[in-house]
């Protein structure tokens, strides 16, 4: 990830109170007061704060320590009009190494907007596997990301041995293949280790997977000014599986 790029970007784009269209969609369709959400790459915190104002307990991760420090100060001093507000827990760290951050488990939503295209495919696959393990049963994986239909796809210098990745305008982007991403998510499996207190061994724990609820690659998801480009949206629910 381009840490220096994002440090400079956040410094010049301080907190924007208006949430993304994706955040408002997720809140309306999948979340309610008291739910817990993990945001992977929170940027300037606008979506994290939006969820918190609606009574969602938020843990939000970003690698830019300066921005996280600013957001924690901002969130703790924010005078909310709603009594449901709990300041988000902003965590400085790399969301591709969640095991190093010692964050709580069991989230009702794992939320990733415009972050998976900032990491390589190997890291993406690990993040998705981690998301399945951290998600509560019946919890939601919510993804919005650039795909191969996006207008920026193919622009700039292609990165050797990394499919769909380019350096354009001094910035790394990797464009996801829609079908391959869906296939990978659908084939993820997670079986938690469970101690059998009575027998002293390990019982046959249930296996979990993500069930795709909806998936599209289309316009209308993230219009910016007069531009309305193609983006991918994927929603999946963690369920038990027999396979």
C-alpha atoms as a PDB file:
ATOM      1  CA  UNK A   1       0.000   0.000   0.000  1.00  0.00           C
ATOM      2  CA  UNK A   2       1.141   3.542  -0.780  1.00  0.00           C
ATOM      3  CA  UNK A   3       1.488   4.819   2.780  1.00  0.00           C
ATOM      4  CA  UNK A   4       3.202   8.073   1.769  1.00  0.00           C
ATOM      5  CA  UNK A   5       0.548   8.735  -0.888  1.00  0.00           C
ATOM      6  CA  UNK A   6      -2.274   8.309   1.620  1.00  0.00           C
ATOM      7  CA  UNK A   7      -0.508  10.319   4.324  1.00  0.00           C
ATOM      8  CA  UNK A   8      -0.322  13.297   1.959  1.00  0.00           C
ATOM      9  CA  UNK A   9      -3.885  12.731   0.726  1.00  0.00           C
ATOM     10  CA  UNK A  10      -5.435  12.621   4.194  1.00  0.00           C
ATOM     11  CA  UNK A  11      -3.488  15.689   5.300  1.00  0.00           C
ATOM     12  CA  UNK A  12      -5.098  17.663   2.479  1.00  0.00           C
ATOM     13  CA  UNK A  13      -8.553  16.046   2.773  1.00  0.00           C
ATOM     14  CA  UNK A  14      -9.474  16.316   6.428  1.00  0.00           C
ATOM     15  CA  UNK A  15     -12.659  14.828   7.817  1.00  0.00           C
ATOM     16  CA  UNK A  16     -15.677  15.019   5.525  1.00  0.00           C
ATOM     17  CA  UNK A  17     -18.931  14.681   7.447  1.00  0.00           C
ATOM     18  CA  UNK A  18     -20.876  13.345   4.435  1.00  0.00           C
ATOM     19  CA  UNK A  19     -20.853   9.543   4.344  1.00  0.00           C
ATOM     20  CA  UNK A  20     -20.387   7.607   1.125  1.00  0.00           C
ATOM     21  CA  UNK A  21     -23.423   6.255  -0.713  1.00  0.00           C
ATOM     22  CA  UNK A  22     -22.094   2.789   0.062  1.00  0.00           C
ATOM     23  CA  UNK A  23     -22.137   3.436   3.812  1.00  0.00           C
ATOM     24  CA  UNK A  24     -25.701   4.720   3.745  1.00  0.00           C
ATOM     25  CA  UNK A  25     -26.771   1.681   1.706  1.00  0.00           C
ATOM     26  CA  UNK A  26     -25.103  -0.732   4.151  1.00  0.00           C
ATOM     27  CA  UNK A  27     -26.675   1.045   7.138  1.00  0.00           C
ATOM     28  CA  UNK A  28     -30.141   1.014   5.595  1.00  0.00           C
ATOM     29  CA  UNK A  29     -30.126  -2.620   4.468  1.00  0.00           C
ATOM     30  CA  UNK A  30     -27.831  -4.556   6.814  1.00  0.00           C
ATOM     31  CA  UNK A  31     -27.140  -2.775  10.106  1.00  0.00           C
ATOM     32  CA  UNK A  32     -29.001  -1.600  13.164  1.00  0.00           C
ATOM     33  CA  UNK A  33     -28.235   0.022  16.510  1.00  0.00           C
ATOM     34  CA  UNK A  34     -25.899  -2.108  18.634  1.00  0.00           C
ATOM     35  CA  UNK A  35     -24.291  -3.949  15.730  1.00  0.00           C
ATOM     36  CA  UNK A  36     -20.498  -4.141  15.579  1.00  0.00           C
ATOM     37  CA  UNK A  37     -18.555  -3.169  12.429  1.00  0.00           C
ATOM     38  CA  UNK A  38     -14.914  -3.534  11.397  1.00  0.00           C
ATOM     39  CA  UNK A  39     -13.766  -1.091   8.712  1.00  0.00           C
ATOM     40  CA  UNK A  40     -10.719  -2.127   6.687  1.00  0.00           C
ATOM     41  CA  UNK A  41      -8.983   1.084   5.629  1.00  0.00           C
ATOM     42  CA  UNK A  42     -11.054   3.895   7.121  1.00  0.00           C
ATOM     43  CA  UNK A  43      -9.321   6.798   5.366  1.00  0.00           C
ATOM     44  CA  UNK A  44     -10.545  10.131   6.710  1.00  0.00           C
ATOM     45  CA  UNK A  45     -13.129   8.431   8.898  1.00  0.00           C
ATOM     46  CA  UNK A  46     -16.290   9.765   7.312  1.00  0.00           C
ATOM     47  CA  UNK A  47     -18.001   6.364   7.056  1.00  0.00           C
ATOM     48  CA  UNK A  48     -16.808   5.254  10.489  1.00  0.00           C
ATOM     49  CA  UNK A  49     -18.295   8.365  12.070  1.00  0.00           C
ATOM     50  CA  UNK A  50     -21.522   7.917  10.117  1.00  0.00           C
ATOM     51  CA  UNK A  51     -21.984   4.374  11.425  1.00  0.00           C
ATOM     52  CA  UNK A  52     -21.135   5.483  14.991  1.00  0.00           C
ATOM     53  CA  UNK A  53     -23.723   8.264  14.875  1.00  0.00           C
ATOM     54  CA  UNK A  54     -26.306   5.590  14.065  1.00  0.00           C
ATOM     55  CA  UNK A  55     -25.490   3.512  17.122  1.00  0.00           C
ATOM     56  CA  UNK A  56     -23.065   1.051  15.521  1.00  0.00           C
ATOM     57  CA  UNK A  57     -19.947   0.062  17.489  1.00  0.00           C
ATOM     58  CA  UNK A  58     -17.028   0.666  15.132  1.00  0.00           C
ATOM     59  CA  UNK A  59     -13.427  -0.524  15.014  1.00  0.00           C
ATOM     60  CA  UNK A  60     -11.691   1.215  12.100  1.00  0.00           C
ATOM     61  CA  UNK A  61      -8.177   0.477  10.832  1.00  0.00           C
ATOM     62  CA  UNK A  62      -5.825   2.537   8.708  1.00  0.00           C
ATOM     63  CA  UNK A  63      -2.059   2.475   8.239  1.00  0.00           C
ATOM     64  CA  UNK A  64      -1.511   6.251   8.422  1.00  0.00           C
ATOM     65  CA  UNK A  65      -0.739   6.870  12.096  1.00  0.00           C
ATOM     66  CA  UNK A  66      -1.048  10.648  11.829  1.00  0.00           C
ATOM     67  CA  UNK A  67      -4.613  10.352  10.495  1.00  0.00           C
ATOM     68  CA  UNK A  68      -5.587   7.796  13.141  1.00  0.00           C
ATOM     69  CA  UNK A  69      -4.299  10.075  15.915  1.00  0.00           C
ATOM     70  CA  UNK A  70      -6.298  12.968  14.468  1.00  0.00           C
ATOM     71  CA  UNK A  71      -9.451  10.836  14.157  1.00  0.00           C
ATOM     72  CA  UNK A  72      -9.277   9.514  17.709  1.00  0.00           C
ATOM     73  CA  UNK A  73      -9.024  13.077  19.014  1.00  0.00           C
ATOM     74  CA  UNK A  74     -11.844  14.215  16.737  1.00  0.00           C
ATOM     75  CA  UNK A  75     -14.117  11.279  17.612  1.00  0.00           C
ATOM     76  CA  UNK A  76     -13.653  11.625  21.378  1.00  0.00           C
ATOM     77  CA  UNK A  77     -14.484  15.347  21.300  1.00  0.00           C
ATOM     78  CA  UNK A  78     -17.356  15.061  18.801  1.00  0.00           C
ATOM     79  CA  UNK A  79     -20.623  16.417  20.212  1.00  0.00           C
ATOM     80  CA  UNK A  80     -23.214  14.034  18.816  1.00  0.00           C
ATOM     81  CA  UNK A  81     -26.885  14.964  18.703  1.00  0.00           C
ATOM     82  CA  UNK A  82     -27.767  11.312  19.290  1.00  0.00           C
ATOM     83  CA  UNK A  83     -27.334   9.497  22.605  1.00  0.00           C
ATOM     84  CA  UNK A  84     -26.589   6.350  20.578  1.00  0.00           C
ATOM     85  CA  UNK A  85     -23.163   7.658  19.592  1.00  0.00           C
ATOM     86  CA  UNK A  86     -20.077   5.814  20.831  1.00  0.00           C
ATOM     87  CA  UNK A  87     -16.738   7.098  19.468  1.00  0.00           C
ATOM     88  CA  UNK A  88     -15.231   4.676  16.956  1.00  0.00           C
ATOM     89  CA  UNK A  89     -12.057   2.897  17.985  1.00  0.00           C
ATOM     90  CA  UNK A  90      -9.545   4.038  15.373  1.00  0.00           C
ATOM     91  CA  UNK A  91      -6.576   1.666  15.153  1.00  0.00           C
ATOM     92  CA  UNK A  92      -3.265   2.411  13.422  1.00  0.00           C
ATOM     93  CA  UNK A  93      -2.110  -0.638  11.533  1.00  0.00           C
ATOM     94  CA  UNK A  94      -2.089  -2.728   8.386  1.00  0.00           C
ATOM     95  CA  UNK A  95      -5.420  -4.466   7.773  1.00  0.00           C
ATOM     96  CA  UNK A  96      -3.614  -7.139   5.755  1.00  0.00           C
ATOM     97  CA  UNK A  97      -2.062  -8.273   9.075  1.00  0.00           C
ATOM     98  CA  UNK A  98      -5.041  -8.218  11.410  1.00  0.00           C
ATOM     99  CA  UNK A  99      -3.423 -10.879  13.592  1.00  0.00           C
ATOM    100  CA  UNK A 100      -0.866  -8.267  14.725  1.00  0.00           C
ATOM    101  CA  UNK A 101      -3.480  -5.750  15.872  1.00  0.00           C
ATOM    102  CA  UNK A 102      -5.192  -7.776  18.612  1.00  0.00           C
ATOM    103  CA  UNK A 103      -8.623  -6.444  17.714  1.00  0.00           C
ATOM    104  CA  UNK A 104     -11.839  -7.966  19.108  1.00  0.00           C
ATOM    105  CA  UNK A 105     -13.650 -10.669  17.117  1.00  0.00           C
ATOM    106  CA  UNK A 106     -17.252 -11.281  16.099  1.00  0.00           C
ATOM    107  CA  UNK A 107     -18.418  -8.370  13.937  1.00  0.00           C
ATOM    108  CA  UNK A 108     -21.844  -8.030  12.381  1.00  0.00           C
ATOM    109  CA  UNK A 109     -20.219  -6.391   9.366  1.00  0.00           C
ATOM    110  CA  UNK A 110     -16.761  -6.433   7.809  1.00  0.00           C
ATOM    111  CA  UNK A 111     -16.703  -3.261   5.703  1.00  0.00           C
ATOM    112  CA  UNK A 112     -14.263  -2.539   2.884  1.00  0.00           C
ATOM    113  CA  UNK A 113     -14.792   0.439   0.611  1.00  0.00           C
ATOM    114  CA  UNK A 114     -12.112   1.270  -1.990  1.00  0.00           C
ATOM    115  CA  UNK A 115      -9.435  -0.666  -0.108  1.00  0.00           C
ATOM    116  CA  UNK A 116      -9.035  -4.095  -1.728  1.00  0.00           C
ATOM    117  CA  UNK A 117      -7.772  -2.470  -4.927  1.00  0.00           C
ATOM    118  CA  UNK A 118      -4.971  -0.870  -2.889  1.00  0.00           C
ATOM    119  CA  UNK A 119      -3.341  -4.225  -2.030  1.00  0.00           C
ATOM    120  CA  UNK A 120      -1.961  -7.131  -4.064  1.00  0.00           C
ATOM    121  CA  UNK A 121      -3.917 -10.313  -4.776  1.00  0.00           C
ATOM    122  CA  UNK A 122      -2.133 -12.418  -2.161  1.00  0.00           C
ATOM    123  CA  UNK A 123      -2.899  -9.853   0.536  1.00  0.00           C
ATOM    124  CA  UNK A 124      -6.479  -9.546  -0.668  1.00  0.00           C
ATOM    125  CA  UNK A 125      -7.033 -13.294  -0.370  1.00  0.00           C
ATOM    126  CA  UNK A 126      -5.663 -13.272   3.177  1.00  0.00           C
ATOM    127  CA  UNK A 127      -7.890 -10.344   4.134  1.00  0.00           C
ATOM    128  CA  UNK A 128     -10.969 -12.143   2.813  1.00  0.00           C
ATOM    129  CA  UNK A 129     -10.065 -15.293   4.744  1.00  0.00           C
ATOM    130  CA  UNK A 130      -9.517 -13.218   7.891  1.00  0.00           C
ATOM    131  CA  UNK A 131     -12.872 -11.528   7.288  1.00  0.00           C
ATOM    132  CA  UNK A 132     -14.646 -14.884   7.346  1.00  0.00           C
ATOM    133  CA  UNK A 133     -13.035 -15.795  10.671  1.00  0.00           C
ATOM    134  CA  UNK A 134     -13.761 -12.390  12.272  1.00  0.00           C
ATOM    135  CA  UNK A 135     -17.336 -12.127  11.045  1.00  0.00           C
ATOM    136  CA  UNK A 136     -20.121 -13.232  13.393  1.00  0.00           C
ATOM    137  CA  UNK A 137     -22.490 -15.957  12.218  1.00  0.00           C
ATOM    138  CA  UNK A 138     -25.094 -14.325   9.958  1.00  0.00           C
ATOM    139  CA  UNK A 139     -22.777 -11.297   9.776  1.00  0.00           C
ATOM    140  CA  UNK A 140     -22.170  -9.421   6.522  1.00  0.00           C
ATOM    141  CA  UNK A 141     -19.138  -8.879   4.308  1.00  0.00           C
ATOM    142  CA  UNK A 142     -19.629  -5.580   2.431  1.00  0.00           C
ATOM    143  CA  UNK A 143     -17.224  -4.684  -0.399  1.00  0.00           C
ATOM    144  CA  UNK A 144     -17.065  -1.795  -2.862  1.00  0.00           C
ATOM    145  CA  UNK A 145     -14.014  -1.772  -5.132  1.00  0.00           C
ATOM    146  CA  UNK A 146     -12.659  -0.966  -8.594  1.00  0.00           C
ATOM    147  CA  UNK A 147     -12.947  -3.729 -11.165  1.00  0.00           C
ATOM    148  CA  UNK A 148     -11.811  -4.301 -14.716  1.00  0.00           C
ATOM    149  CA  UNK A 149     -14.712  -2.266 -16.168  1.00  0.00           C
ATOM    150  CA  UNK A 150     -13.492   0.852 -14.366  1.00  0.00           C
ATOM    151  CA  UNK A 151     -12.296   3.636 -16.687  1.00  0.00           C
ATOM    152  CA  UNK A 152      -8.844   3.714 -15.067  1.00  0.00           C
ATOM    153  CA  UNK A 153      -8.192   0.057 -15.832  1.00  0.00           C
ATOM    154  CA  UNK A 154      -5.141  -0.323 -18.092  1.00  0.00           C
ATOM    155  CA  UNK A 155      -3.909   3.229 -17.586  1.00  0.00           C
ATOM    156  CA  UNK A 156      -0.361   3.840 -16.431  1.00  0.00           C
ATOM    157  CA  UNK A 157       2.521   1.415 -16.071  1.00  0.00           C
ATOM    158  CA  UNK A 158       1.572  -2.248 -15.697  1.00  0.00           C
ATOM    159  CA  UNK A 159       3.221  -4.027 -12.769  1.00  0.00           C
ATOM    160  CA  UNK A 160       5.225  -7.075 -13.805  1.00  0.00           C
ATOM    161  CA  UNK A 161       3.808 -10.426 -12.648  1.00  0.00           C
ATOM    162  CA  UNK A 162       0.785  -8.803 -11.009  1.00  0.00           C
ATOM    163  CA  UNK A 163      -2.391  -9.168 -13.022  1.00  0.00           C
ATOM    164  CA  UNK A 164      -4.596  -6.076 -13.260  1.00  0.00           C
ATOM    165  CA  UNK A 165      -2.215  -3.815 -11.315  1.00  0.00           C
ATOM    166  CA  UNK A 166      -0.901  -0.461 -12.544  1.00  0.00           C
ATOM    167  CA  UNK A 167       0.942   2.629 -11.362  1.00  0.00           C
ATOM    168  CA  UNK A 168      -1.001   5.639 -12.586  1.00  0.00           C
ATOM    169  CA  UNK A 169      -0.599   9.232 -11.418  1.00  0.00           C
ATOM    170  CA  UNK A 170       2.068   7.999  -8.959  1.00  0.00           C
ATOM    171  CA  UNK A 171      -0.487   5.714  -7.317  1.00  0.00           C
ATOM    172  CA  UNK A 172      -0.889   1.924  -7.152  1.00  0.00           C
ATOM    173  CA  UNK A 173      -4.220   0.408  -8.151  1.00  0.00           C
ATOM    174  CA  UNK A 174      -5.180  -3.194  -8.819  1.00  0.00           C
ATOM    175  CA  UNK A 175      -8.440  -3.839 -10.617  1.00  0.00           C
ATOM    176  CA  UNK A 176     -10.385  -6.892  -9.498  1.00  0.00           C
ATOM    177  CA  UNK A 177     -11.850  -9.450 -11.851  1.00  0.00           C
ATOM    178  CA  UNK A 178     -15.509  -9.663 -10.892  1.00  0.00           C
ATOM    179  CA  UNK A 179     -16.093 -13.384 -11.518  1.00  0.00           C
ATOM    180  CA  UNK A 180     -12.778 -14.490  -9.998  1.00  0.00           C
ATOM    181  CA  UNK A 181     -13.446 -12.457  -6.850  1.00  0.00           C
ATOM    182  CA  UNK A 182     -16.922 -13.924  -6.423  1.00  0.00           C
ATOM    183  CA  UNK A 183     -15.611 -17.433  -6.953  1.00  0.00           C
ATOM    184  CA  UNK A 184     -12.882 -16.955  -4.350  1.00  0.00           C
ATOM    185  CA  UNK A 185     -15.310 -15.585  -1.747  1.00  0.00           C
ATOM    186  CA  UNK A 186     -17.796 -18.393  -2.336  1.00  0.00           C
ATOM    187  CA  UNK A 187     -15.111 -21.042  -1.849  1.00  0.00           C
ATOM    188  CA  UNK A 188     -13.705 -19.705   1.428  1.00  0.00           C
ATOM    189  CA  UNK A 189     -14.091 -22.014   4.424  1.00  0.00           C
ATOM    190  CA  UNK A 190     -13.459 -21.464   8.139  1.00  0.00           C
ATOM    191  CA  UNK A 191     -13.623 -23.942  11.012  1.00  0.00           C
ATOM    192  CA  UNK A 192     -12.876 -22.491  14.457  1.00  0.00           C
ATOM    193  CA  UNK A 193     -10.799 -24.461  16.912  1.00  0.00           C
ATOM    194  CA  UNK A 194     -13.028 -25.431  19.834  1.00  0.00           C
ATOM    195  CA  UNK A 195     -11.876 -27.092  23.048  1.00  0.00           C
ATOM    196  CA  UNK A 196     -13.961 -29.929  24.426  1.00  0.00           C
ATOM    197  CA  UNK A 197     -13.880 -29.214  28.152  1.00  0.00           C
ATOM    198  CA  UNK A 198     -15.348 -32.578  29.140  1.00  0.00           C
ATOM    199  CA  UNK A 199     -13.336 -34.838  26.878  1.00  0.00           C
ATOM    200  CA  UNK A 200     -10.135 -32.835  26.940  1.00  0.00           C
ATOM    201  CA  UNK A 201      -9.922 -32.876  23.150  1.00  0.00           C
ATOM    202  CA  UNK A 202     -11.353 -30.977  20.210  1.00  0.00           C
ATOM    203  CA  UNK A 203     -14.873 -31.655  18.972  1.00  0.00           C
ATOM    204  CA  UNK A 204     -15.983 -31.508  15.369  1.00  0.00           C
ATOM    205  CA  UNK A 205     -16.588 -27.756  15.084  1.00  0.00           C
ATOM    206  CA  UNK A 206     -18.956 -26.448  12.412  1.00  0.00           C
ATOM    207  CA  UNK A 207     -17.575 -25.077   9.160  1.00  0.00           C
ATOM    208  CA  UNK A 208     -18.558 -21.635   7.892  1.00  0.00           C
ATOM    209  CA  UNK A 209     -18.591 -19.965   4.486  1.00  0.00           C
ATOM    210  CA  UNK A 210     -19.819 -16.783   2.841  1.00  0.00           C
ATOM    211  CA  UNK A 211     -23.138 -16.972   0.993  1.00  0.00           C
ATOM    212  CA  UNK A 212     -23.361 -14.304  -1.714  1.00  0.00           C
ATOM    213  CA  UNK A 213     -26.418 -12.121  -1.165  1.00  0.00           C
ATOM    214  CA  UNK A 214     -25.881  -9.760  -4.088  1.00  0.00           C
ATOM    215  CA  UNK A 215     -23.052  -8.901  -6.452  1.00  0.00           C
ATOM    216  CA  UNK A 216     -22.887  -6.362  -9.265  1.00  0.00           C
ATOM    217  CA  UNK A 217     -20.400  -4.465 -11.391  1.00  0.00           C
ATOM    218  CA  UNK A 218     -22.197  -1.369 -12.583  1.00  0.00           C
ATOM    219  CA  UNK A 219     -22.498   2.396 -12.652  1.00  0.00           C
ATOM    220  CA  UNK A 220     -24.457   4.383 -10.099  1.00  0.00           C
ATOM    221  CA  UNK A 221     -22.616   3.134  -7.034  1.00  0.00           C
ATOM    222  CA  UNK A 222     -20.082   5.930  -6.522  1.00  0.00           C
ATOM    223  CA  UNK A 223     -20.757   8.928  -8.783  1.00  0.00           C
ATOM    224  CA  UNK A 224     -18.306  11.772  -8.334  1.00  0.00           C
ATOM    225  CA  UNK A 225     -19.393  15.081  -9.808  1.00  0.00           C
ATOM    226  CA  UNK A 226     -20.288  14.427 -13.425  1.00  0.00           C
ATOM    227  CA  UNK A 227     -18.401  11.114 -13.473  1.00  0.00           C
ATOM    228  CA  UNK A 228     -20.301   7.889 -12.924  1.00  0.00           C
ATOM    229  CA  UNK A 229     -17.861   5.037 -13.412  1.00  0.00           C
ATOM    230  CA  UNK A 230     -18.167   1.277 -13.012  1.00  0.00           C
ATOM    231  CA  UNK A 231     -17.518  -0.244  -9.586  1.00  0.00           C
ATOM    232  CA  UNK A 232     -18.030  -3.649  -7.986  1.00  0.00           C
ATOM    233  CA  UNK A 233     -20.338  -4.180  -5.031  1.00  0.00           C
ATOM    234  CA  UNK A 234     -20.472  -7.499  -3.189  1.00  0.00           C
ATOM    235  CA  UNK A 235     -22.541  -8.463  -0.154  1.00  0.00           C
ATOM    236  CA  UNK A 236     -22.147 -11.874   1.469  1.00  0.00           C
ATOM    237  CA  UNK A 237     -23.417 -13.470   4.694  1.00  0.00           C
ATOM    238  CA  UNK A 238     -21.504 -15.855   6.953  1.00  0.00           C
ATOM    239  CA  UNK A 239     -23.400 -19.120   7.298  1.00  0.00           C
ATOM    240  CA  UNK A 240     -22.751 -22.706   8.355  1.00  0.00           C
ATOM    241  CA  UNK A 241     -21.989 -25.184   5.620  1.00  0.00           C
ATOM    242  CA  UNK A 242     -21.764 -28.958   5.407  1.00  0.00           C
ATOM    243  CA  UNK A 243     -19.019 -28.891   2.778  1.00  0.00           C
END
